[in-house]
Structure formats: structure tokens, C-alpha cells
Amino acid sequence: MSVDMAITLIQEMLWVALKVGTPVIATAFIVGLLISIFQAATQIHEMTLTFIPKIVATILAMIFFGTWMFIELVDYTKHVFELIVQMIR
């Protein structure tokens, strides 16, 4: 394996990780931001008000984007295994 191939593989790995993780992290961030604005406006600082909506939103995001995330990870894994087979030959 050449250095260029290793760098390309690492770049692809980081890109796939970013693509797969972004929807769930962005959902949790947006819900957390909205809850923080609500808490600042109403002066309600209940800890469960922060965690439960973020957990529910994260689970819903994983259900909604789960199929797409799984397909992306399987495609990347197939690509890596194909490269392994090519390197062996």
C-alpha cells in the first residue's frame, strides 16, 4: 500500500464518518439550542427538560436517517474490502 493510497483511504473514512454522524449530532444540537432559548425566556431550569427532548430527537433522527447511514457504512466497507482484495493480487 502506497502512502497516497493510505491517505486517500483515511480521507474517505473521515468523510464517511462526518456524513453519517452529522444528521444525529445536528439534530441534538438544534433541539438543545431551542430548549436553551426556551429556558432562558421562561426562567425554567429543569434538568429533565434538557435531556429528554434531546434523547427523543436523537432517537427519531436515528430512526429517520438510520437506513441511509447503514447503506453509507456498508458501501464504504465494501469499498475497503475491494481495495484489500486488489492489494493482495
PDB file of N, CA and C in Angstrom:
ATOM      1  N   MET A   1       0.849  -1.171   0.000  1.00  0.00           N
ATOM      2  CA  MET A   1       0.000   0.000   0.000  1.00  0.00           C
ATOM      3  C   MET A   1       0.891   1.230   0.000  1.00  0.00           C
ATOM      4  N   SER A   2       0.621   2.116  -0.930  1.00  0.00           N
ATOM      5  CA  SER A   2       1.409   3.334  -1.009  1.00  0.00           C
ATOM      6  C   SER A   2       0.884   4.365  -0.013  1.00  0.00           C
ATOM      7  N   VAL A   3       1.688   5.371   0.188  1.00  0.00           N
ATOM      8  CA  VAL A   3       1.307   6.441   1.109  1.00  0.00           C
ATOM      9  C   VAL A   3       0.087   7.189   0.576  1.00  0.00           C
ATOM     10  N   ASP A   4       0.053   7.425  -0.732  1.00  0.00           N
ATOM     11  CA  ASP A   4      -1.090   8.122  -1.325  1.00  0.00           C
ATOM     12  C   ASP A   4      -2.379   7.338  -1.137  1.00  0.00           C
ATOM     13  N   MET A   5      -2.307   6.039  -1.291  1.00  0.00           N
ATOM     14  CA  MET A   5      -3.490   5.207  -1.114  1.00  0.00           C
ATOM     15  C   MET A   5      -3.963   5.235   0.341  1.00  0.00           C
ATOM     16  N   ALA A   6      -3.029   5.202   1.281  1.00  0.00           N
ATOM     17  CA  ALA A   6      -3.380   5.247   2.699  1.00  0.00           C
ATOM     18  C   ALA A   6      -4.026   6.581   3.051  1.00  0.00           C
ATOM     19  N   ILE A   7      -3.486   7.672   2.529  1.00  0.00           N
ATOM     20  CA  ILE A   7      -4.052   8.995   2.797  1.00  0.00           C
ATOM     21  C   ILE A   7      -5.448   9.104   2.207  1.00  0.00           C
ATOM     22  N   THR A   8      -5.635   8.587   1.002  1.00  0.00           N
ATOM     23  CA  THR A   8      -6.952   8.609   0.372  1.00  0.00           C
ATOM     24  C   THR A   8      -7.952   7.790   1.172  1.00  0.00           C
ATOM     25  N   LEU A   9      -7.523   6.643   1.669  1.00  0.00           N
ATOM     26  CA  LEU A   9      -8.405   5.795   2.466  1.00  0.00           C
ATOM     27  C   LEU A   9      -8.793   6.477   3.772  1.00  0.00           C
ATOM     28  N   ILE A  10      -7.858   7.153   4.397  1.00  0.00           N
ATOM     29  CA  ILE A  10      -8.152   7.883   5.636  1.00  0.00           C
ATOM     30  C   ILE A  10      -9.090   9.047   5.359  1.00  0.00           C
ATOM     31  N   GLN A  11      -8.884   9.749   4.258  1.00  0.00           N
ATOM     32  CA  GLN A  11      -9.779  10.844   3.898  1.00  0.00           C
ATOM     33  C   GLN A  11     -11.200  10.345   3.661  1.00  0.00           C
ATOM     34  N   GLU A  12     -11.321   9.223   2.952  1.00  0.00           N
ATOM     35  CA  GLU A  12     -12.644   8.645   2.718  1.00  0.00           C
ATOM     36  C   GLU A  12     -13.293   8.226   4.026  1.00  0.00           C
ATOM     37  N   MET A  13     -12.507   7.652   4.933  1.00  0.00           N
ATOM     38  CA  MET A  13     -13.033   7.222   6.224  1.00  0.00           C
ATOM     39  C   MET A  13     -13.565   8.412   7.019  1.00  0.00           C
ATOM     40  N   LEU A  14     -12.801   9.490   7.054  1.00  0.00           N
ATOM     41  CA  LEU A  14     -13.240  10.675   7.790  1.00  0.00           C
ATOM     42  C   LEU A  14     -14.471  11.305   7.149  1.00  0.00           C
ATOM     43  N   TRP A  15     -14.523  11.309   5.813  1.00  0.00           N
ATOM     44  CA  TRP A  15     -15.683  11.874   5.113  1.00  0.00           C
ATOM     45  C   TRP A  15     -16.947  11.065   5.408  1.00  0.00           C
ATOM     46  N   VAL A  16     -16.827   9.738   5.389  1.00  0.00           N
ATOM     47  CA  VAL A  16     -17.980   8.885   5.681  1.00  0.00           C
ATOM     48  C   VAL A  16     -18.416   9.077   7.133  1.00  0.00           C
ATOM     49  N   ALA A  17     -17.481   9.155   8.049  1.00  0.00           N
ATOM     50  CA  ALA A  17     -17.823   9.374   9.455  1.00  0.00           C
ATOM     51  C   ALA A  17     -18.530  10.717   9.648  1.00  0.00           C
ATOM     52  N   LEU A  18     -18.071  11.727   8.945  1.00  0.00           N
ATOM     53  CA  LEU A  18     -18.711  13.044   9.027  1.00  0.00           C
ATOM     54  C   LEU A  18     -20.115  13.011   8.447  1.00  0.00           C
ATOM     55  N   LYS A  19     -20.271  12.369   7.281  1.00  0.00           N
ATOM     56  CA  LYS A  19     -21.589  12.286   6.651  1.00  0.00           C
ATOM     57  C   LYS A  19     -22.568  11.500   7.514  1.00  0.00           C
ATOM     58  N   VAL A  20     -22.116  10.413   8.098  1.00  0.00           N
ATOM     59  CA  VAL A  20     -23.009   9.556   8.873  1.00  0.00           C
ATOM     60  C   VAL A  20     -23.359  10.187  10.229  1.00  0.00           C
ATOM     61  N   GLY A  21     -22.434  10.861  10.832  1.00  0.00           N
ATOM     62  CA  GLY A  21     -22.676  11.422  12.162  1.00  0.00           C
ATOM     63  C   GLY A  21     -23.383  12.759  12.186  1.00  0.00           C
ATOM     64  N   THR A  22     -23.299  13.508  11.100  1.00  0.00           N
ATOM     65  CA  THR A  22     -23.837  14.865  11.080  1.00  0.00           C
ATOM     66  C   THR A  22     -25.337  14.963  11.345  1.00  0.00           C
ATOM     67  N   PRO A  23     -26.191  14.151  10.733  1.00  0.00           N
ATOM     68  CA  PRO A  23     -27.629  14.330  10.980  1.00  0.00           C
ATOM     69  C   PRO A  23     -28.031  14.168  12.447  1.00  0.00           C
ATOM     70  N   VAL A  24     -27.458  13.183  13.119  1.00  0.00           N
ATOM     71  CA  VAL A  24     -27.820  12.945  14.514  1.00  0.00           C
ATOM     72  C   VAL A  24     -27.263  14.039  15.410  1.00  0.00           C
ATOM     73  N   ILE A  25     -26.023  14.420  15.185  1.00  0.00           N
ATOM     74  CA  ILE A  25     -25.406  15.462  16.010  1.00  0.00           C
ATOM     75  C   ILE A  25     -26.079  16.808  15.774  1.00  0.00           C
ATOM     76  N   ALA A  26     -26.394  17.113  14.519  1.00  0.00           N
ATOM     77  CA  ALA A  26     -27.068  18.380  14.208  1.00  0.00           C
ATOM     78  C   ALA A  26     -28.460  18.426  14.825  1.00  0.00           C
ATOM     79  N   THR A  27     -29.169  17.308  14.823  1.00  0.00           N
ATOM     80  CA  THR A  27     -30.492  17.258  15.445  1.00  0.00           C
ATOM     81  C   THR A  27     -30.397  17.526  16.940  1.00  0.00           C
ATOM     82  N   ALA A  28     -29.467  16.872  17.608  1.00  0.00           N
ATOM     83  CA  ALA A  28     -29.289  17.094  19.048  1.00  0.00           C
ATOM     84  C   ALA A  28     -28.884  18.538  19.334  1.00  0.00           C
ATOM     85  N   PHE A  29     -28.037  19.100  18.486  1.00  0.00           N
ATOM     86  CA  PHE A  29     -27.602  20.485  18.672  1.00  0.00           C
ATOM     87  C   PHE A  29     -28.767  21.464  18.520  1.00  0.00           C
ATOM     88  N   ILE A  30     -29.569  21.285  17.479  1.00  0.00           N
ATOM     89  CA  ILE A  30     -30.688  22.201  17.230  1.00  0.00           C
ATOM     90  C   ILE A  30     -31.727  22.101  18.335  1.00  0.00           C
ATOM     91  N   VAL A  31     -32.057  20.879  18.749  1.00  0.00           N
ATOM     92  CA  VAL A  31     -33.031  20.711  19.836  1.00  0.00           C
ATOM     93  C   VAL A  31     -32.483  21.307  21.128  1.00  0.00           C
ATOM     94  N   GLY A  32     -31.226  21.086  21.421  1.00  0.00           N
ATOM     95  CA  GLY A  32     -30.615  21.674  22.617  1.00  0.00           C
ATOM     96  C   GLY A  32     -30.615  23.189  22.586  1.00  0.00           C
ATOM     97  N   LEU A  33     -30.354  23.759  21.409  1.00  0.00           N
ATOM     98  CA  LEU A  33     -30.375  25.214  21.270  1.00  0.00           C
ATOM     99  C   LEU A  33     -31.780  25.774  21.483  1.00  0.00           C
ATOM    100  N   LEU A  34     -32.769  25.113  20.897  1.00  0.00           N
ATOM    101  CA  LEU A  34     -34.153  25.562  21.077  1.00  0.00           C
ATOM    102  C   LEU A  34     -34.592  25.450  22.538  1.00  0.00           C
ATOM    103  N   ILE A  35     -34.207  24.391  23.208  1.00  0.00           N
ATOM    104  CA  ILE A  35     -34.556  24.233  24.618  1.00  0.00           C
ATOM    105  C   ILE A  35     -33.852  25.280  25.465  1.00  0.00           C
ATOM    106  N   SER A  36     -32.617  25.585  25.146  1.00  0.00           N
ATOM    107  CA  SER A  36     -31.887  26.625  25.892  1.00  0.00           C
ATOM    108  C   SER A  36     -32.540  27.982  25.720  1.00  0.00           C
ATOM    109  N   ILE A  37     -32.979  28.291  24.513  1.00  0.00           N
ATOM    110  CA  ILE A  37     -33.678  29.562  24.285  1.00  0.00           C
ATOM    111  C   ILE A  37     -34.983  29.584  25.071  1.00  0.00           C
ATOM    112  N   PHE A  38     -35.714  28.460  25.053  1.00  0.00           N
ATOM    113  CA  PHE A  38     -36.956  28.370  25.815  1.00  0.00           C
ATOM    114  C   PHE A  38     -36.700  28.545  27.306  1.00  0.00           C
ATOM    115  N   GLN A  39     -35.661  27.901  27.837  1.00  0.00           N
ATOM    116  CA  GLN A  39     -35.342  28.020  29.254  1.00  0.00           C
ATOM    117  C   GLN A  39     -34.928  29.436  29.620  1.00  0.00           C
ATOM    118  N   ALA A  40     -34.190  30.093  28.750  1.00  0.00           N
ATOM    119  CA  ALA A  40     -33.779  31.471  29.027  1.00  0.00           C
ATOM    120  C   ALA A  40     -34.977  32.416  29.002  1.00  0.00           C
ATOM    121  N   ALA A  41     -35.935  32.149  28.121  1.00  0.00           N
ATOM    122  CA  ALA A  41     -37.101  33.025  28.022  1.00  0.00           C
ATOM    123  C   ALA A  41     -38.080  32.816  29.169  1.00  0.00           C
ATOM    124  N   THR A  42     -38.194  31.589  29.656  1.00  0.00           N
ATOM    125  CA  THR A  42     -39.196  31.300  30.690  1.00  0.00           C
ATOM    126  C   THR A  42     -38.610  31.173  32.089  1.00  0.00           C
ATOM    127  N   GLN A  43     -37.319  31.200  32.228  1.00  0.00           N
ATOM    128  CA  GLN A  43     -36.643  31.050  33.524  1.00  0.00           C
ATOM    129  C   GLN A  43     -36.902  29.682  34.158  1.00  0.00           C
ATOM    130  N   ILE A  44     -37.236  28.677  33.348  1.00  0.00           N
ATOM    131  CA  ILE A  44     -37.414  27.312  33.840  1.00  0.00           C
ATOM    132  C   ILE A  44     -36.108  26.571  33.588  1.00  0.00           C
ATOM    133  N   HIS A  45     -35.478  26.115  34.667  1.00  0.00           N
ATOM    134  CA  HIS A  45     -34.188  25.442  34.527  1.00  0.00           C
ATOM    135  C   HIS A  45     -34.266  24.034  35.093  1.00  0.00           C
ATOM    136  N   GLU A  46     -35.135  23.243  34.528  1.00  0.00           N
ATOM    137  CA  GLU A  46     -35.296  21.849  34.928  1.00  0.00           C
ATOM    138  C   GLU A  46     -34.351  20.992  34.091  1.00  0.00           C
ATOM    139  N   MET A  47     -33.593  20.115  34.722  1.00  0.00           N
ATOM    140  CA  MET A  47     -32.605  19.301  34.011  1.00  0.00           C
ATOM    141  C   MET A  47     -33.270  18.294  33.069  1.00  0.00           C
ATOM    142  N   THR A  48     -34.411  17.732  33.479  1.00  0.00           N
ATOM    143  CA  THR A  48     -35.065  16.753  32.605  1.00  0.00           C
ATOM    144  C   THR A  48     -35.617  17.416  31.355  1.00  0.00           C
ATOM    145  N   LEU A  49     -35.899  18.707  31.429  1.00  0.00           N
ATOM    146  CA  LEU A  49     -36.378  19.433  30.262  1.00  0.00           C
ATOM    147  C   LEU A  49     -35.290  19.521  29.195  1.00  0.00           C
ATOM    148  N   THR A  50     -34.066  19.418  29.608  1.00  0.00           N
ATOM    149  CA  THR A  50     -32.947  19.465  28.662  1.00  0.00           C
ATOM    150  C   THR A  50     -32.689  18.103  28.033  1.00  0.00           C
ATOM    151  N   PHE A  51     -32.657  17.055  28.852  1.00  0.00           N
ATOM    152  CA  PHE A  51     -32.211  15.752  28.370  1.00  0.00           C
ATOM    153  C   PHE A  51     -33.265  14.970  27.598  1.00  0.00           C
ATOM    154  N   ILE A  52     -34.480  14.917  28.084  1.00  0.00           N
ATOM    155  CA  ILE A  52     -35.497  14.063  27.469  1.00  0.00           C
ATOM    156  C   ILE A  52     -35.809  14.472  26.028  1.00  0.00           C
ATOM    157  N   PRO A  53     -36.041  15.746  25.709  1.00  0.00           N
ATOM    158  CA  PRO A  53     -36.291  16.081  24.301  1.00  0.00           C
ATOM    159  C   PRO A  53     -35.097  15.796  23.388  1.00  0.00           C
ATOM    160  N   LYS A  54     -33.879  15.993  23.897  1.00  0.00           N
ATOM    161  CA  LYS A  54     -32.704  15.689  23.072  1.00  0.00           C
ATOM    162  C   LYS A  54     -32.579  14.199  22.819  1.00  0.00           C
ATOM    163  N   ILE A  55     -32.860  13.389  23.814  1.00  0.00           N
ATOM    164  CA  ILE A  55     -32.801  11.937  23.631  1.00  0.00           C
ATOM    165  C   ILE A  55     -33.863  11.488  22.635  1.00  0.00           C
ATOM    166  N   VAL A  56     -35.074  12.009  22.787  1.00  0.00           N
ATOM    167  CA  VAL A  56     -36.162  11.639  21.872  1.00  0.00           C
ATOM    168  C   VAL A  56     -35.831  12.090  20.447  1.00  0.00           C
ATOM    169  N   ALA A  57     -35.338  13.305  20.285  1.00  0.00           N
ATOM    170  CA  ALA A  57     -34.996  13.811  18.950  1.00  0.00           C
ATOM    171  C   ALA A  57     -33.854  13.007  18.330  1.00  0.00           C
ATOM    172  N   THR A  58     -32.884  12.626  19.134  1.00  0.00           N
ATOM    173  CA  THR A  58     -31.770  11.828  18.631  1.00  0.00           C
ATOM    174  C   THR A  58     -32.238  10.449  18.185  1.00  0.00           C
ATOM    175  N   ILE A  59     -33.110   9.831  18.970  1.00  0.00           N
ATOM    176  CA  ILE A  59     -33.641   8.525  18.581  1.00  0.00           C
ATOM    177  C   ILE A  59     -34.464   8.638  17.306  1.00  0.00           C
ATOM    178  N   LEU A  60     -35.283   9.678  17.204  1.00  0.00           N
ATOM    179  CA  LEU A  60     -36.070   9.877  15.987  1.00  0.00           C
ATOM    180  C   LEU A  60     -35.170  10.131  14.770  1.00  0.00           C
ATOM    181  N   ALA A  61     -34.096  10.886  14.964  1.00  0.00           N
ATOM    182  CA  ALA A  61     -33.152  11.125  13.868  1.00  0.00           C
ATOM    183  C   ALA A  61     -32.473   9.830  13.448  1.00  0.00           C
ATOM    184  N   MET A  62     -32.130   8.980  14.413  1.00  0.00           N
ATOM    185  CA  MET A  62     -31.509   7.706  14.080  1.00  0.00           C
ATOM    186  C   MET A  62     -32.489   6.791  13.354  1.00  0.00           C
ATOM    187  N   ILE A  63     -33.766   6.841  13.727  1.00  0.00           N
ATOM    188  CA  ILE A  63     -34.771   6.045  13.019  1.00  0.00           C
ATOM    189  C   ILE A  63     -34.954   6.578  11.603  1.00  0.00           C
ATOM    190  N   PHE A  64     -35.044   7.888  11.477  1.00  0.00           N
ATOM    191  CA  PHE A  64     -35.282   8.503  10.177  1.00  0.00           C
ATOM    192  C   PHE A  64     -34.097   8.347   9.234  1.00  0.00           C
ATOM    193  N   PHE A  65     -32.881   8.591   9.729  1.00  0.00           N
ATOM    194  CA  PHE A  65     -31.679   8.533   8.898  1.00  0.00           C
ATOM    195  C   PHE A  65     -30.950   7.192   8.971  1.00  0.00           C
ATOM    196  N   GLY A  66     -31.445   6.263   9.784  1.00  0.00           N
ATOM    197  CA  GLY A  66     -30.742   5.007  10.024  1.00  0.00           C
ATOM    198  C   GLY A  66     -30.483   4.183   8.781  1.00  0.00           C
ATOM    199  N   THR A  67     -31.483   4.078   7.919  1.00  0.00           N
ATOM    200  CA  THR A  67     -31.314   3.290   6.696  1.00  0.00           C
ATOM    201  C   THR A  67     -30.226   3.880   5.817  1.00  0.00           C
ATOM    202  N   TRP A  68     -30.278   5.192   5.650  1.00  0.00           N
ATOM    203  CA  TRP A  68     -29.272   5.867   4.824  1.00  0.00           C
ATOM    204  C   TRP A  68     -27.873   5.716   5.450  1.00  0.00           C
ATOM    205  N   MET A  69     -27.783   5.876   6.771  1.00  0.00           N
ATOM    206  CA  MET A  69     -26.492   5.745   7.448  1.00  0.00           C
ATOM    207  C   MET A  69     -25.934   4.328   7.274  1.00  0.00           C
ATOM    208  N   PHE A  70     -26.806   3.336   7.408  1.00  0.00           N
ATOM    209  CA  PHE A  70     -26.381   1.946   7.256  1.00  0.00           C
ATOM    210  C   PHE A  70     -25.885   1.677   5.839  1.00  0.00           C
ATOM    211  N   ILE A  71     -26.600   2.183   4.847  1.00  0.00           N
ATOM    212  CA  ILE A  71     -26.188   1.995   3.446  1.00  0.00           C
ATOM    213  C   ILE A  71     -24.829   2.643   3.192  1.00  0.00           C
ATOM    214  N   GLU A  72     -24.619   3.837   3.719  1.00  0.00           N
ATOM    215  CA  GLU A  72     -23.327   4.513   3.545  1.00  0.00           C
ATOM    216  C   GLU A  72     -22.189   3.702   4.163  1.00  0.00           C
ATOM    217  N   LEU A  73     -22.411   3.183   5.364  1.00  0.00           N
ATOM    218  CA  LEU A  73     -21.367   2.401   6.033  1.00  0.00           C
ATOM    219  C   LEU A  73     -21.098   1.082   5.312  1.00  0.00           C
ATOM    220  N   VAL A  74     -22.144   0.436   4.814  1.00  0.00           N
ATOM    221  CA  VAL A  74     -21.959  -0.819   4.073  1.00  0.00           C
ATOM    222  C   VAL A  74     -21.211  -0.551   2.766  1.00  0.00           C
ATOM    223  N   ASP A  75     -21.557   0.527   2.065  1.00  0.00           N
ATOM    224  CA  ASP A  75     -20.848   0.860   0.824  1.00  0.00           C
ATOM    225  C   ASP A  75     -19.378   1.123   1.083  1.00  0.00           C
ATOM    226  N   TYR A  76     -19.078   1.842   2.158  1.00  0.00           N
ATOM    227  CA  TYR A  76     -17.674   2.118   2.477  1.00  0.00           C
ATOM    228  C   TYR A  76     -16.943   0.826   2.839  1.00  0.00           C
ATOM    229  N   THR A  77     -17.590  -0.047   3.589  1.00  0.00           N
ATOM    230  CA  THR A  77     -16.963  -1.311   3.974  1.00  0.00           C
ATOM    231  C   THR A  77     -16.691  -2.175   2.745  1.00  0.00           C
ATOM    232  N   LYS A  78     -17.648  -2.222   1.816  1.00  0.00           N
ATOM    233  CA  LYS A  78     -17.431  -2.972   0.570  1.00  0.00           C
ATOM    234  C   LYS A  78     -16.248  -2.407  -0.204  1.00  0.00           C
ATOM    235  N   HIS A  79     -16.161  -1.078  -0.230  1.00  0.00           N
ATOM    236  CA  HIS A  79     -15.056  -0.424  -0.935  1.00  0.00           C
ATOM    237  C   HIS A  79     -13.705  -0.797  -0.305  1.00  0.00           C
ATOM    238  N   VAL A  80     -13.650  -0.808   1.011  1.00  0.00           N
ATOM    239  CA  VAL A  80     -12.405  -1.156   1.705  1.00  0.00           C
ATOM    240  C   VAL A  80     -12.028  -2.605   1.436  1.00  0.00           C
ATOM    241  N   PHE A  81     -13.001  -3.511   1.480  1.00  0.00           N
ATOM    242  CA  PHE A  81     -12.698  -4.911   1.210  1.00  0.00           C
ATOM    243  C   PHE A  81     -12.259  -5.124  -0.236  1.00  0.00           C
ATOM    244  N   GLU A  82     -12.833  -4.380  -1.170  1.00  0.00           N
ATOM    245  CA  GLU A  82     -12.387  -4.459  -2.560  1.00  0.00           C
ATOM    246  C   GLU A  82     -10.944  -3.996  -2.692  1.00  0.00           C
ATOM    247  N   LEU A  83     -10.583  -2.947  -1.964  1.00  0.00           N
ATOM    248  CA  LEU A  83      -9.188  -2.489  -2.004  1.00  0.00           C
ATOM    249  C   LEU A  83      -8.247  -3.525  -1.408  1.00  0.00           C
ATOM    250  N   ILE A  84      -8.697  -4.207  -0.356  1.00  0.00           N
ATOM    251  CA  ILE A  84      -7.863  -5.252   0.242  1.00  0.00           C
ATOM    252  C   ILE A  84      -7.612  -6.370  -0.756  1.00  0.00           C
ATOM    253  N   VAL A  85      -8.676  -6.768  -1.466  1.00  0.00           N
ATOM    254  CA  VAL A  85      -8.528  -7.828  -2.476  1.00  0.00           C
ATOM    255  C   VAL A  85      -7.584  -7.377  -3.583  1.00  0.00           C
ATOM    256  N   GLN A  86      -7.672  -6.118  -4.016  1.00  0.00           N
ATOM    257  CA  GLN A  86      -6.785  -5.611  -5.054  1.00  0.00           C
ATOM    258  C   GLN A  86      -5.341  -5.580  -4.589  1.00  0.00           C
ATOM    259  N   MET A  87      -5.117  -5.256  -3.317  1.00  0.00           N
ATOM    260  CA  MET A  87      -3.743  -5.201  -2.810  1.00  0.00           C
ATOM    261  C   MET A  87      -3.139  -6.592  -2.714  1.00  0.00           C
ATOM    262  N   ILE A  88      -3.951  -7.596  -2.436  1.00  0.00           N
ATOM    263  CA  ILE A  88      -3.441  -8.964  -2.312  1.00  0.00           C
ATOM    264  C   ILE A  88      -2.985  -9.500  -3.659  1.00  0.00           C
ATOM    265  N   ARG A  89      -3.696  -9.154  -4.729  1.00  0.00           N
ATOM    266  CA  ARG A  89      -3.373  -9.662  -6.062  1.00  0.00           C
ATOM    267  C   ARG A  89      -2.097  -9.107  -6.577  1.00  0.00           C
TER     268      ARG A  89
END
